[in-house]
Amino acid sequence: MKDFYVSKSEQHKLRVTVSNCEFPNNLKNLEFINEYYDTEGNLTDTSTYQFFLTETALIHLSNQLLSS
């Protein structure tokens, strides 16, 4: 599994995870996780956006994001 932060500040973090699905095994599980914190550093809200993509679709998505 890959796990990394796209952006990170005291009040907001955007984390991405990519892992292989067990079934069907040709899919990748892509999650975008938004985390919001109050001024004291306490987690106040989280939202997760989950996508199941083939490796080809994931590569296409990456290429399209970088071609702008």
Protein backbone atom coordinates (compact mmCIF):
# COMPACT_ATOMS: atom_id res chain seq x y z
CA MET A 1 0.00 0.00 0.00
CA LYS A 2 1.15 3.52 -0.77
CA ASP A 3 0.16 6.29 1.63
CA PHE A 4 1.20 9.92 1.20
CA TYR A 5 0.11 13.49 1.90
CA VAL A 6 -0.77 15.81 -0.98
CA SER A 7 -1.07 18.80 1.35
CA LYS A 8 -0.52 19.20 5.04
CA SER A 9 -1.15 22.19 7.31
CA GLU A 10 -2.15 22.66 10.94
CA GLN A 11 -5.86 22.78 10.08
CA HIS A 12 -6.13 20.54 7.01
CA LYS A 13 -4.49 17.41 5.62
CA LEU A 14 -5.20 15.67 2.32
CA ARG A 15 -3.94 12.12 2.31
CA VAL A 16 -4.00 9.59 -0.54
CA THR A 17 -3.77 5.83 -0.23
CA VAL A 18 -3.45 3.32 -3.06
CA SER A 19 -3.71 -0.41 -2.48
CA ASN A 20 -4.48 -3.56 -4.42
CA CYS A 21 -7.96 -5.06 -4.16
CA GLU A 22 -8.19 -8.70 -3.14
CA PHE A 23 -11.11 -9.32 -5.49
CA PRO A 24 -11.24 -8.55 -8.29
CA ASN A 25 -7.46 -8.54 -8.17
CA ASN A 26 -7.03 -6.31 -11.24
CA LEU A 27 -8.34 -3.24 -9.40
CA LYS A 28 -6.61 -0.61 -7.30
CA ASN A 29 -8.35 1.01 -4.34
CA LEU A 30 -7.68 4.78 -4.47
CA GLU A 31 -8.75 6.86 -1.46
CA PHE A 32 -8.60 10.62 -0.96
CA ILE A 33 -8.92 11.41 2.75
CA ASN A 34 -9.62 14.98 3.92
CA GLU A 35 -8.89 15.66 7.59
CA TYR A 36 -9.81 18.92 9.31
CA TYR A 37 -8.45 20.07 12.68
CA ASP A 38 -9.42 22.81 15.12
CA THR A 39 -6.97 25.36 16.52
CA GLU A 40 -6.05 22.96 19.33
CA GLY A 41 -5.06 20.21 16.87
CA ASN A 42 -8.09 18.00 17.48
CA LEU A 43 -9.56 16.17 14.49
CA THR A 44 -12.97 17.72 13.83
CA ASP A 45 -14.07 16.26 10.50
CA THR A 46 -13.01 13.60 8.03
CA SER A 47 -14.29 12.75 4.57
CA THR A 48 -13.12 9.91 2.38
CA TYR A 49 -13.59 9.56 -1.36
CA GLN A 50 -12.98 6.03 -2.61
CA PHE A 51 -12.48 4.86 -6.18
CA PHE A 52 -11.79 1.45 -7.69
CA LEU A 53 -9.69 1.69 -10.86
CA THR A 54 -7.69 -0.62 -13.05
CA GLU A 55 -3.99 0.16 -13.28
CA THR A 56 -4.56 1.38 -16.85
CA ALA A 57 -7.29 3.78 -15.68
CA LEU A 58 -5.08 5.00 -12.84
CA ILE A 59 -2.23 5.70 -15.27
CA HIS A 60 -4.65 7.50 -17.60
CA LEU A 61 -5.92 9.63 -14.68
CA SER A 62 -2.35 10.52 -13.69
CA ASN A 63 -1.43 11.45 -17.26
CA GLN A 64 -4.53 13.63 -17.65
CA LEU A 65 -3.83 15.45 -14.39
CA LEU A 66 -0.27 16.19 -15.47
CA SER A 67 -1.08 17.24 -19.04
CA SER A 68 -2.85 20.48 -18.09
